[in-house]
Amino acid sequence: MKQIVAIVKPFLAEKVLTKLSELSFEHLEVMVVKGYSRQKSYLDRYAGNEYSTAFLPKIQITIWAQDEMVELLLRTLVVTARTGRIGDGKILVSPVSQYFDHFKEEEPPK
């Protein structure tokens, strides 16, 4: 199983989530986050608003999926979220294991 964390521009989040809903995965979470990368010195305005700091609003989409679905999910994320401009975001992939799978037979501590 893998965890995919995608940071996307807010105006693309609905489009990305719609495309992802057509695919199979275990679980999905969405969070509003703020951050910056290379665009910090290039963007003084974002979505018509001026920002006094370099932190820009982003949407973080976290997906847990079986290994065989990861490539399709990544391709969907890249194609749907890419604008070709600075600040498109990041995609991170990590291996994960489900903790409770290892202890199914044991009684919980009292």
PDB file of N, CA and C in Angstrom:
ATOM      1  N   MET A   1       0.855  -1.172   0.000  1.00  0.00           N
ATOM      2  CA  MET A   1       0.000   0.000   0.000  1.00  0.00           C
ATOM      3  C   MET A   1       0.900   1.235   0.000  1.00  0.00           C
ATOM      4  N   LYS A   2       0.424   2.288  -0.654  1.00  0.00           N
ATOM      5  CA  LYS A   2       1.168   3.543  -0.739  1.00  0.00           C
ATOM      6  C   LYS A   2       0.289   4.710  -0.284  1.00  0.00           C
ATOM      7  N   GLN A   3       0.958   5.745   0.223  1.00  0.00           N
ATOM      8  CA  GLN A   3       0.306   7.002   0.554  1.00  0.00           C
ATOM      9  C   GLN A   3       0.781   8.021  -0.471  1.00  0.00           C
ATOM     10  N   ILE A   4      -0.165   8.681  -1.122  1.00  0.00           N
ATOM     11  CA  ILE A   4       0.133   9.718  -2.100  1.00  0.00           C
ATOM     12  C   ILE A   4      -0.340  11.037  -1.515  1.00  0.00           C
ATOM     13  N   VAL A   5       0.564  12.007  -1.419  1.00  0.00           N
ATOM     14  CA  VAL A   5       0.212  13.343  -0.954  1.00  0.00           C
ATOM     15  C   VAL A   5       0.420  14.295  -2.124  1.00  0.00           C
ATOM     16  N   ALA A   6      -0.662  14.937  -2.554  1.00  0.00           N
ATOM     17  CA  ALA A   6      -0.597  15.880  -3.668  1.00  0.00           C
ATOM     18  C   ALA A   6      -0.983  17.266  -3.162  1.00  0.00           C
ATOM     19  N   ILE A   7      -0.164  18.243  -3.450  1.00  0.00           N
ATOM     20  CA  ILE A   7      -0.445  19.639  -3.118  1.00  0.00           C
ATOM     21  C   ILE A   7      -0.824  20.318  -4.436  1.00  0.00           C
ATOM     22  N   VAL A   8      -2.051  20.853  -4.513  1.00  0.00           N
ATOM     23  CA  VAL A   8      -2.533  21.438  -5.761  1.00  0.00           C
ATOM     24  C   VAL A   8      -3.063  22.848  -5.519  1.00  0.00           C
ATOM     25  N   LYS A   9      -3.194  23.594  -6.600  1.00  0.00           N
ATOM     26  CA  LYS A   9      -3.764  24.937  -6.523  1.00  0.00           C
ATOM     27  C   LYS A   9      -5.254  24.825  -6.186  1.00  0.00           C
ATOM     28  N   PRO A  10      -5.755  25.729  -5.353  1.00  0.00           N
ATOM     29  CA  PRO A  10      -7.151  25.637  -4.910  1.00  0.00           C
ATOM     30  C   PRO A  10      -8.178  25.621  -6.045  1.00  0.00           C
ATOM     31  N   PHE A  11      -7.952  26.389  -7.094  1.00  0.00           N
ATOM     32  CA  PHE A  11      -8.951  26.436  -8.163  1.00  0.00           C
ATOM     33  C   PHE A  11      -8.993  25.149  -8.989  1.00  0.00           C
ATOM     34  N   LEU A  12      -8.002  24.262  -8.806  1.00  0.00           N
ATOM     35  CA  LEU A  12      -7.988  22.982  -9.505  1.00  0.00           C
ATOM     36  C   LEU A  12      -8.476  21.822  -8.647  1.00  0.00           C
ATOM     37  N   ALA A  13      -8.691  22.055  -7.370  1.00  0.00           N
ATOM     38  CA  ALA A  13      -9.017  20.970  -6.443  1.00  0.00           C
ATOM     39  C   ALA A  13     -10.288  20.212  -6.841  1.00  0.00           C
ATOM     40  N   GLU A  14     -11.351  20.919  -7.185  1.00  0.00           N
ATOM     41  CA  GLU A  14     -12.613  20.266  -7.546  1.00  0.00           C
ATOM     42  C   GLU A  14     -12.440  19.392  -8.777  1.00  0.00           C
ATOM     43  N   LYS A  15     -11.713  19.895  -9.769  1.00  0.00           N
ATOM     44  CA  LYS A  15     -11.455  19.139 -10.997  1.00  0.00           C
ATOM     45  C   LYS A  15     -10.660  17.865 -10.686  1.00  0.00           C
ATOM     46  N   VAL A  16      -9.630  17.991  -9.848  1.00  0.00           N
ATOM     47  CA  VAL A  16      -8.801  16.852  -9.472  1.00  0.00           C
ATOM     48  C   VAL A  16      -9.639  15.820  -8.708  1.00  0.00           C
ATOM     49  N   LEU A  17     -10.431  16.272  -7.745  1.00  0.00           N
ATOM     50  CA  LEU A  17     -11.247  15.350  -6.947  1.00  0.00           C
ATOM     51  C   LEU A  17     -12.292  14.650  -7.802  1.00  0.00           C
ATOM     52  N   THR A  18     -12.848  15.325  -8.786  1.00  0.00           N
ATOM     53  CA  THR A  18     -13.821  14.705  -9.687  1.00  0.00           C
ATOM     54  C   THR A  18     -13.165  13.577 -10.479  1.00  0.00           C
ATOM     55  N   LYS A  19     -11.970  13.827 -11.008  1.00  0.00           N
ATOM     56  CA  LYS A  19     -11.246  12.791 -11.758  1.00  0.00           C
ATOM     57  C   LYS A  19     -10.853  11.620 -10.861  1.00  0.00           C
ATOM     58  N   LEU A  20     -10.416  11.930  -9.637  1.00  0.00           N
ATOM     59  CA  LEU A  20     -10.020  10.864  -8.713  1.00  0.00           C
ATOM     60  C   LEU A  20     -11.209   9.998  -8.310  1.00  0.00           C
ATOM     61  N   SER A  21     -12.391  10.576  -8.232  1.00  0.00           N
ATOM     62  CA  SER A  21     -13.574   9.814  -7.817  1.00  0.00           C
ATOM     63  C   SER A  21     -13.918   8.707  -8.810  1.00  0.00           C
ATOM     64  N   GLU A  22     -13.387   8.779 -10.016  1.00  0.00           N
ATOM     65  CA  GLU A  22     -13.612   7.751 -11.029  1.00  0.00           C
ATOM     66  C   GLU A  22     -12.684   6.550 -10.839  1.00  0.00           C
ATOM     67  N   LEU A  23     -11.697   6.660  -9.952  1.00  0.00           N
ATOM     68  CA  LEU A  23     -10.697   5.611  -9.757  1.00  0.00           C
ATOM     69  C   LEU A  23     -10.913   4.892  -8.430  1.00  0.00           C
ATOM     70  N   SER A  24     -10.172   3.811  -8.259  1.00  0.00           N
ATOM     71  CA  SER A  24     -10.306   2.990  -7.050  1.00  0.00           C
ATOM     72  C   SER A  24      -9.129   3.245  -6.104  1.00  0.00           C
ATOM     73  N   PHE A  25      -9.445   3.509  -4.835  1.00  0.00           N
ATOM     74  CA  PHE A  25      -8.420   3.672  -3.807  1.00  0.00           C
ATOM     75  C   PHE A  25      -9.060   3.376  -2.453  1.00  0.00           C
ATOM     76  N   GLU A  26      -8.223   3.253  -1.422  1.00  0.00           N
ATOM     77  CA  GLU A  26      -8.697   2.890  -0.091  1.00  0.00           C
ATOM     78  C   GLU A  26      -9.351   4.051   0.651  1.00  0.00           C
ATOM     79  N   HIS A  27      -8.683   5.213   0.642  1.00  0.00           N
ATOM     80  CA  HIS A  27      -9.125   6.326   1.471  1.00  0.00           C
ATOM     81  C   HIS A  27      -8.575   7.626   0.889  1.00  0.00           C
ATOM     82  N   LEU A  28      -9.286   8.726   1.126  1.00  0.00           N
ATOM     83  CA  LEU A  28      -8.860  10.032   0.627  1.00  0.00           C
ATOM     84  C   LEU A  28      -9.173  11.084   1.681  1.00  0.00           C
ATOM     85  N   GLU A  29      -8.256  12.010   1.876  1.00  0.00           N
ATOM     86  CA  GLU A  29      -8.471  13.154   2.774  1.00  0.00           C
ATOM     87  C   GLU A  29      -8.097  14.433   2.036  1.00  0.00           C
ATOM     88  N   VAL A  30      -8.798  15.512   2.347  1.00  0.00           N
ATOM     89  CA  VAL A  30      -8.524  16.812   1.738  1.00  0.00           C
ATOM     90  C   VAL A  30      -8.357  17.832   2.857  1.00  0.00           C
ATOM     91  N   MET A  31      -7.292  18.635   2.754  1.00  0.00           N
ATOM     92  CA  MET A  31      -7.035  19.677   3.746  1.00  0.00           C
ATOM     93  C   MET A  31      -6.635  20.964   3.038  1.00  0.00           C
ATOM     94  N   VAL A  32      -6.989  22.080   3.640  1.00  0.00           N
ATOM     95  CA  VAL A  32      -6.519  23.380   3.171  1.00  0.00           C
ATOM     96  C   VAL A  32      -5.201  23.641   3.888  1.00  0.00           C
ATOM     97  N   VAL A  33      -4.161  23.945   3.128  1.00  0.00           N
ATOM     98  CA  VAL A  33      -2.837  24.191   3.691  1.00  0.00           C
ATOM     99  C   VAL A  33      -2.279  25.480   3.093  1.00  0.00           C
ATOM    100  N   LYS A  34      -1.209  25.986   3.685  1.00  0.00           N
ATOM    101  CA  LYS A  34      -0.503  27.154   3.155  1.00  0.00           C
ATOM    102  C   LYS A  34       0.970  26.820   3.071  1.00  0.00           C
ATOM    103  N   GLY A  35       1.628  27.371   2.070  1.00  0.00           N
ATOM    104  CA  GLY A  35       3.050  27.130   1.936  1.00  0.00           C
ATOM    105  C   GLY A  35       3.619  27.874   0.754  1.00  0.00           C
ATOM    106  N   TYR A  36       4.891  27.658   0.513  1.00  0.00           N
ATOM    107  CA  TYR A  36       5.536  28.255  -0.648  1.00  0.00           C
ATOM    108  C   TYR A  36       6.710  27.395  -1.053  1.00  0.00           C
ATOM    109  N   SER A  37       7.154  27.618  -2.265  1.00  0.00           N
ATOM    110  CA  SER A  37       8.322  26.945  -2.810  1.00  0.00           C
ATOM    111  C   SER A  37       9.059  27.956  -3.671  1.00  0.00           C
ATOM    112  N   ARG A  38       9.363  27.626  -4.892  1.00  0.00           N
ATOM    113  CA  ARG A  38      10.098  28.542  -5.763  1.00  0.00           C
ATOM    114  C   ARG A  38       9.321  29.816  -6.063  1.00  0.00           C
ATOM    115  N   GLN A  39       7.993  29.771  -6.047  1.00  0.00           N
ATOM    116  CA  GLN A  39       7.202  30.930  -6.458  1.00  0.00           C
ATOM    117  C   GLN A  39       7.208  32.059  -5.444  1.00  0.00           C
ATOM    118  N   LYS A  40       7.809  31.868  -4.273  1.00  0.00           N
ATOM    119  CA  LYS A  40       7.741  32.892  -3.228  1.00  0.00           C
ATOM    120  C   LYS A  40       8.245  34.248  -3.694  1.00  0.00           C
ATOM    121  N   SER A  41       9.230  34.282  -4.563  1.00  0.00           N
ATOM    122  CA  SER A  41       9.740  35.579  -5.008  1.00  0.00           C
ATOM    123  C   SER A  41       9.096  36.032  -6.314  1.00  0.00           C
ATOM    124  N   TYR A  42       8.214  35.227  -6.870  1.00  0.00           N
ATOM    125  CA  TYR A  42       7.603  35.572  -8.139  1.00  0.00           C
ATOM    126  C   TYR A  42       6.156  36.024  -8.011  1.00  0.00           C
ATOM    127  N   LEU A  43       5.453  35.572  -6.985  1.00  0.00           N
ATOM    128  CA  LEU A  43       4.040  35.891  -6.850  1.00  0.00           C
ATOM    129  C   LEU A  43       3.800  36.848  -5.695  1.00  0.00           C
ATOM    130  N   ASP A  44       3.329  38.033  -6.001  1.00  0.00           N
ATOM    131  CA  ASP A  44       2.922  38.967  -4.964  1.00  0.00           C
ATOM    132  C   ASP A  44       1.404  38.952  -4.821  1.00  0.00           C
ATOM    133  N   ARG A  45       0.736  38.469  -5.864  1.00  0.00           N
ATOM    134  CA  ARG A  45      -0.728  38.408  -5.859  1.00  0.00           C
ATOM    135  C   ARG A  45      -1.133  36.988  -6.211  1.00  0.00           C
ATOM    136  N   TYR A  46      -2.220  36.546  -5.604  1.00  0.00           N
ATOM    137  CA  TYR A  46      -2.742  35.216  -5.894  1.00  0.00           C
ATOM    138  C   TYR A  46      -4.251  35.297  -5.840  1.00  0.00           C
ATOM    139  N   ALA A  47      -4.902  34.908  -6.897  1.00  0.00           N
ATOM    140  CA  ALA A  47      -6.365  34.917  -6.984  1.00  0.00           C
ATOM    141  C   ALA A  47      -6.935  36.301  -6.655  1.00  0.00           C
ATOM    142  N   GLY A  48      -6.264  37.341  -7.106  1.00  0.00           N
ATOM    143  CA  GLY A  48      -6.775  38.692  -6.915  1.00  0.00           C
ATOM    144  C   GLY A  48      -6.496  39.294  -5.560  1.00  0.00           C
ATOM    145  N   ASN A  49      -5.824  38.566  -4.690  1.00  0.00           N
ATOM    146  CA  ASN A  49      -5.516  39.074  -3.352  1.00  0.00           C
ATOM    147  C   ASN A  49      -4.014  39.251  -3.199  1.00  0.00           C
ATOM    148  N   GLU A  50      -3.625  40.268  -2.457  1.00  0.00           N
ATOM    149  CA  GLU A  50      -2.213  40.454  -2.155  1.00  0.00           C
ATOM    150  C   GLU A  50      -1.880  39.767  -0.846  1.00  0.00           C
ATOM    151  N   TYR A  51      -0.696  39.178  -0.792  1.00  0.00           N
ATOM    152  CA  TYR A  51      -0.260  38.473   0.405  1.00  0.00           C
ATOM    153  C   TYR A  51       0.974  39.158   0.966  1.00  0.00           C
ATOM    154  N   SER A  52       0.958  39.438   2.265  1.00  0.00           N
ATOM    155  CA  SER A  52       2.075  40.118   2.895  1.00  0.00           C
ATOM    156  C   SER A  52       3.227  39.163   3.171  1.00  0.00           C
ATOM    157  N   THR A  53       2.948  37.871   3.221  1.00  0.00           N
ATOM    158  CA  THR A  53       4.000  36.877   3.379  1.00  0.00           C
ATOM    159  C   THR A  53       4.015  35.992   2.142  1.00  0.00           C
ATOM    160  N   ALA A  54       4.967  35.098   2.081  1.00  0.00           N
ATOM    161  CA  ALA A  54       5.109  34.242   0.904  1.00  0.00           C
ATOM    162  C   ALA A  54       4.201  33.015   0.961  1.00  0.00           C
ATOM    163  N   PHE A  55       3.454  32.821   2.038  1.00  0.00           N
ATOM    164  CA  PHE A  55       2.594  31.648   2.140  1.00  0.00           C
ATOM    165  C   PHE A  55       1.362  31.812   1.267  1.00  0.00           C
ATOM    166  N   LEU A  56       1.126  30.833   0.407  1.00  0.00           N
ATOM    167  CA  LEU A  56      -0.017  30.855  -0.492  1.00  0.00           C
ATOM    168  C   LEU A  56      -0.954  29.700  -0.163  1.00  0.00           C
ATOM    169  N   PRO A  57      -2.259  29.886  -0.348  1.00  0.00           N
ATOM    170  CA  PRO A  57      -3.196  28.793  -0.066  1.00  0.00           C
ATOM    171  C   PRO A  57      -3.042  27.674  -1.085  1.00  0.00           C
ATOM    172  N   LYS A  58      -3.100  26.451  -0.605  1.00  0.00           N
ATOM    173  CA  LYS A  58      -3.035  25.241  -1.434  1.00  0.00           C
ATOM    174  C   LYS A  58      -4.030  24.237  -0.865  1.00  0.00           C
ATOM    175  N   ILE A  59      -4.284  23.212  -1.627  1.00  0.00           N
ATOM    176  CA  ILE A  59      -5.116  22.106  -1.172  1.00  0.00           C
ATOM    177  C   ILE A  59      -4.244  20.858  -1.140  1.00  0.00           C
ATOM    178  N   GLN A  60      -4.257  20.168  -0.010  1.00  0.00           N
ATOM    179  CA  GLN A  60      -3.508  18.917   0.124  1.00  0.00           C
ATOM    180  C   GLN A  60      -4.480  17.756   0.012  1.00  0.00           C
ATOM    181  N   ILE A  61      -4.230  16.884  -0.943  1.00  0.00           N
ATOM    182  CA  ILE A  61      -5.045  15.687  -1.136  1.00  0.00           C
ATOM    183  C   ILE A  61      -4.168  14.501  -0.773  1.00  0.00           C
ATOM    184  N   THR A  62      -4.607  13.718   0.202  1.00  0.00           N
ATOM    185  CA  THR A  62      -3.867  12.537   0.632  1.00  0.00           C
ATOM    186  C   THR A  62      -4.690  11.311   0.275  1.00  0.00           C
ATOM    187  N   ILE A  63      -4.053  10.377  -0.412  1.00  0.00           N
ATOM    188  CA  ILE A  63      -4.732   9.163  -0.881  1.00  0.00           C
ATOM    189  C   ILE A  63      -3.943   7.960  -0.396  1.00  0.00           C
ATOM    190  N   TRP A  64      -4.650   6.953   0.085  1.00  0.00           N
ATOM    191  CA  TRP A  64      -4.049   5.664   0.390  1.00  0.00           C
ATOM    192  C   TRP A  64      -4.587   4.679  -0.630  1.00  0.00           C
ATOM    193  N   ALA A  65      -3.670   4.005  -1.338  1.00  0.00           N
ATOM    194  CA  ALA A  65      -4.094   3.121  -2.429  1.00  0.00           C
ATOM    195  C   ALA A  65      -3.215   1.877  -2.486  1.00  0.00           C
ATOM    196  N   GLN A  66      -3.773   0.843  -3.060  1.00  0.00           N
ATOM    197  CA  GLN A  66      -3.016  -0.383  -3.299  1.00  0.00           C
ATOM    198  C   GLN A  66      -1.944  -0.101  -4.350  1.00  0.00           C
ATOM    199  N   ASP A  67      -0.843  -0.828  -4.279  1.00  0.00           N
ATOM    200  CA  ASP A  67       0.306  -0.590  -5.151  1.00  0.00           C
ATOM    201  C   ASP A  67      -0.055  -0.592  -6.635  1.00  0.00           C
ATOM    202  N   GLU A  68      -0.949  -1.469  -7.032  1.00  0.00           N
ATOM    203  CA  GLU A  68      -1.277  -1.582  -8.455  1.00  0.00           C
ATOM    204  C   GLU A  68      -2.042  -0.372  -9.005  1.00  0.00           C
ATOM    205  N   MET A  69      -2.598   0.463  -8.135  1.00  0.00           N
ATOM    206  CA  MET A  69      -3.347   1.649  -8.568  1.00  0.00           C
ATOM    207  C   MET A  69      -2.512   2.934  -8.565  1.00  0.00           C
ATOM    208  N   VAL A  70      -1.325   2.881  -7.988  1.00  0.00           N
ATOM    209  CA  VAL A  70      -0.525   4.088  -7.784  1.00  0.00           C
ATOM    210  C   VAL A  70      -0.180   4.787  -9.095  1.00  0.00           C
ATOM    211  N   GLU A  71       0.276   4.041 -10.085  1.00  0.00           N
ATOM    212  CA  GLU A  71       0.683   4.655 -11.357  1.00  0.00           C
ATOM    213  C   GLU A  71      -0.485   5.381 -12.019  1.00  0.00           C
ATOM    214  N   LEU A  72      -1.649   4.780 -12.034  1.00  0.00           N
ATOM    215  CA  LEU A  72      -2.830   5.404 -12.626  1.00  0.00           C
ATOM    216  C   LEU A  72      -3.236   6.658 -11.847  1.00  0.00           C
ATOM    217  N   LEU A  73      -3.187   6.596 -10.524  1.00  0.00           N
ATOM    218  CA  LEU A  73      -3.516   7.758  -9.695  1.00  0.00           C
ATOM    219  C   LEU A  73      -2.527   8.901  -9.944  1.00  0.00           C
ATOM    220  N   LEU A  74      -1.244   8.589 -10.020  1.00  0.00           N
ATOM    221  CA  LEU A  74      -0.231   9.619 -10.263  1.00  0.00           C
ATOM    222  C   LEU A  74      -0.420  10.261 -11.633  1.00  0.00           C
ATOM    223  N   ARG A  75      -0.664   9.449 -12.642  1.00  0.00           N
ATOM    224  CA  ARG A  75      -0.884   9.989 -13.978  1.00  0.00           C
ATOM    225  C   ARG A  75      -2.096  10.913 -13.994  1.00  0.00           C
ATOM    226  N   THR A  76      -3.169  10.503 -13.314  1.00  0.00           N
ATOM    227  CA  THR A  76      -4.382  11.319 -13.241  1.00  0.00           C
ATOM    228  C   THR A  76      -4.108  12.641 -12.533  1.00  0.00           C
ATOM    229  N   LEU A  77      -3.380  12.587 -11.428  1.00  0.00           N
ATOM    230  CA  LEU A  77      -3.045  13.816 -10.697  1.00  0.00           C
ATOM    231  C   LEU A  77      -2.229  14.776 -11.551  1.00  0.00           C
ATOM    232  N   VAL A  78      -1.212  14.271 -12.207  1.00  0.00           N
ATOM    233  CA  VAL A  78      -0.333  15.128 -13.003  1.00  0.00           C
ATOM    234  C   VAL A  78      -1.093  15.762 -14.162  1.00  0.00           C
ATOM    235  N   VAL A  79      -1.842  14.964 -14.894  1.00  0.00           N
ATOM    236  CA  VAL A  79      -2.557  15.477 -16.061  1.00  0.00           C
ATOM    237  C   VAL A  79      -3.629  16.489 -15.653  1.00  0.00           C
ATOM    238  N   THR A  80      -4.298  16.243 -14.549  1.00  0.00           N
ATOM    239  CA  THR A  80      -5.404  17.098 -14.130  1.00  0.00           C
ATOM    240  C   THR A  80      -4.931  18.372 -13.442  1.00  0.00           C
ATOM    241  N   ALA A  81      -3.861  18.307 -12.665  1.00  0.00           N
ATOM    242  CA  ALA A  81      -3.452  19.450 -11.841  1.00  0.00           C
ATOM    243  C   ALA A  81      -2.372  20.325 -12.476  1.00  0.00           C
ATOM    244  N   ARG A  82      -1.728  19.869 -13.514  1.00  0.00           N
ATOM    245  CA  ARG A  82      -0.616  20.640 -14.084  1.00  0.00           C
ATOM    246  C   ARG A  82      -1.122  21.811 -14.920  1.00  0.00           C
ATOM    247  N   THR A  83      -0.579  23.002 -14.621  1.00  0.00           N
ATOM    248  CA  THR A  83      -0.867  24.182 -15.437  1.00  0.00           C
ATOM    249  C   THR A  83       0.375  24.601 -16.215  1.00  0.00           C
ATOM    250  N   GLY A  84       1.545  24.103 -15.789  1.00  0.00           N
ATOM    251  CA  GLY A  84       2.790  24.482 -16.442  1.00  0.00           C
ATOM    252  C   GLY A  84       3.399  25.751 -15.889  1.00  0.00           C
ATOM    253  N   ARG A  85       2.817  26.279 -14.840  1.00  0.00           N
ATOM    254  CA  ARG A  85       3.320  27.513 -14.224  1.00  0.00           C
ATOM    255  C   ARG A  85       3.949  27.196 -12.874  1.00  0.00           C
ATOM    256  N   ILE A  86       4.763  28.118 -12.398  1.00  0.00           N
ATOM    257  CA  ILE A  86       5.370  27.961 -11.080  1.00  0.00           C
ATOM    258  C   ILE A  86       4.259  27.881 -10.040  1.00  0.00           C
ATOM    259  N   GLY A  87       4.425  26.973  -9.070  1.00  0.00           N
ATOM    260  CA  GLY A  87       3.440  26.841  -7.997  1.00  0.00           C
ATOM    261  C   GLY A  87       2.409  25.763  -8.241  1.00  0.00           C
ATOM    262  N   ASP A  88       2.633  24.913  -9.243  1.00  0.00           N
ATOM    263  CA  ASP A  88       1.686  23.832  -9.518  1.00  0.00           C
ATOM    264  C   ASP A  88       1.554  22.867  -8.351  1.00  0.00           C
ATOM    265  N   GLY A  89       2.549  22.762  -7.509  1.00  0.00           N
ATOM    266  CA  GLY A  89       2.460  21.893  -6.343  1.00  0.00           C
ATOM    267  C   GLY A  89       3.441  20.744  -6.404  1.00  0.00           C
ATOM    268  N   LYS A  90       3.229  19.794  -5.532  1.00  0.00           N
ATOM    269  CA  LYS A  90       4.111  18.635  -5.411  1.00  0.00           C
ATOM    270  C   LYS A  90       3.270  17.371  -5.271  1.00  0.00           C
ATOM    271  N   ILE A  91       3.885  16.240  -5.618  1.00  0.00           N
ATOM    272  CA  ILE A  91       3.274  14.931  -5.378  1.00  0.00           C
ATOM    273  C   ILE A  91       4.336  14.076  -4.702  1.00  0.00           C
ATOM    274  N   LEU A  92       3.989  13.517  -3.561  1.00  0.00           N
ATOM    275  CA  LEU A  92       4.902  12.668  -2.795  1.00  0.00           C
ATOM    276  C   LEU A  92       4.278  11.292  -2.639  1.00  0.00           C
ATOM    277  N   VAL A  93       5.088  10.244  -2.732  1.00  0.00           N
ATOM    278  CA  VAL A  93       4.600   8.877  -2.592  1.00  0.00           C
ATOM    279  C   VAL A  93       5.434   8.178  -1.523  1.00  0.00           C
ATOM    280  N   SER A  94       4.754   7.540  -0.556  1.00  0.00           N
ATOM    281  CA  SER A  94       5.431   6.826   0.531  1.00  0.00           C
ATOM    282  C   SER A  94       4.808   5.452   0.718  1.00  0.00           C
ATOM    283  N   PRO A  95       5.629   4.458   1.045  1.00  0.00           N
ATOM    284  CA  PRO A  95       5.058   3.156   1.391  1.00  0.00           C
ATOM    285  C   PRO A  95       4.432   3.222   2.787  1.00  0.00           C
ATOM    286  N   VAL A  96       3.329   2.537   2.978  1.00  0.00           N
ATOM    287  CA  VAL A  96       2.688   2.491   4.290  1.00  0.00           C
ATOM    288  C   VAL A  96       2.240   1.065   4.586  1.00  0.00           C
ATOM    289  N   SER A  97       2.078   0.783   5.851  1.00  0.00           N
ATOM    290  CA  SER A  97       1.481  -0.488   6.256  1.00  0.00           C
ATOM    291  C   SER A  97       0.380  -0.169   7.253  1.00  0.00           C
ATOM    292  N   GLN A  98      -0.596  -1.015   7.277  1.00  0.00           N
ATOM    293  CA  GLN A  98      -1.711  -0.797   8.186  1.00  0.00           C
ATOM    294  C   GLN A  98      -1.378  -1.461   9.520  1.00  0.00           C
ATOM    295  N   TYR A  99      -1.270  -0.652  10.525  1.00  0.00           N
ATOM    296  CA  TYR A  99      -0.867  -1.124  11.846  1.00  0.00           C
ATOM    297  C   TYR A  99      -1.780  -2.230  12.360  1.00  0.00           C
ATOM    298  N   PHE A 100      -3.077  -2.059  12.237  1.00  0.00           N
ATOM    299  CA  PHE A 100      -4.005  -3.024  12.816  1.00  0.00           C
ATOM    300  C   PHE A 100      -3.946  -4.376  12.131  1.00  0.00           C
ATOM    301  N   ASP A 101      -3.444  -4.470  10.914  1.00  0.00           N
ATOM    302  CA  ASP A 101      -3.337  -5.763  10.233  1.00  0.00           C
ATOM    303  C   ASP A 101      -2.359  -6.699  10.943  1.00  0.00           C
ATOM    304  N   HIS A 102      -1.361  -6.145  11.616  1.00  0.00           N
ATOM    305  CA  HIS A 102      -0.334  -6.957  12.255  1.00  0.00           C
ATOM    306  C   HIS A 102      -0.786  -7.529  13.597  1.00  0.00           C
ATOM    307  N   PHE A 103      -1.878  -7.030  14.167  1.00  0.00           N
ATOM    308  CA  PHE A 103      -2.267  -7.423  15.518  1.00  0.00           C
ATOM    309  C   PHE A 103      -3.712  -7.892  15.600  1.00  0.00           C
ATOM    310  N   LYS A 104      -4.251  -8.449  14.552  1.00  0.00           N
ATOM    311  CA  LYS A 104      -5.644  -8.852  14.527  1.00  0.00           C
ATOM    312  C   LYS A 104      -5.977  -9.897  15.585  1.00  0.00           C
ATOM    313  N   GLU A 105      -5.050 -10.758  15.876  1.00  0.00           N
ATOM    314  CA  GLU A 105      -5.301 -11.877  16.788  1.00  0.00           C
ATOM    315  C   GLU A 105      -5.186 -11.486  18.255  1.00  0.00           C
ATOM    316  N   GLU A 106      -4.505 -10.391  18.562  1.00  0.00           N
ATOM    317  CA  GLU A 106      -4.242 -10.039  19.943  1.00  0.00           C
ATOM    318  C   GLU A 106      -5.394  -9.246  20.558  1.00  0.00           C
ATOM    319  N   GLU A 107      -5.503  -9.361  21.865  1.00  0.00           N
ATOM    320  CA  GLU A 107      -6.477  -8.577  22.627  1.00  0.00           C
ATOM    321  C   GLU A 107      -5.903  -7.185  22.877  1.00  0.00           C
ATOM    322  N   PRO A 108      -6.729  -6.150  22.848  1.00  0.00           N
ATOM    323  CA  PRO A 108      -6.214  -4.819  23.165  1.00  0.00           C
ATOM    324  C   PRO A 108      -5.782  -4.725  24.619  1.00  0.00           C
ATOM    325  N   PRO A 109      -4.772  -3.895  24.927  1.00  0.00           N
ATOM    326  CA  PRO A 109      -4.333  -3.751  26.321  1.00  0.00           C
ATOM    327  C   PRO A 109      -5.438  -3.140  27.185  1.00  0.00           C
ATOM    328  N   LYS A 110      -5.452  -3.554  28.470  1.00  0.00           N
ATOM    329  CA  LYS A 110      -6.488  -3.065  29.380  1.00  0.00           C
ATOM    330  C   LYS A 110      -5.948  -2.034  30.322  1.00  0.00           C
TER     331      LYS A 110
END
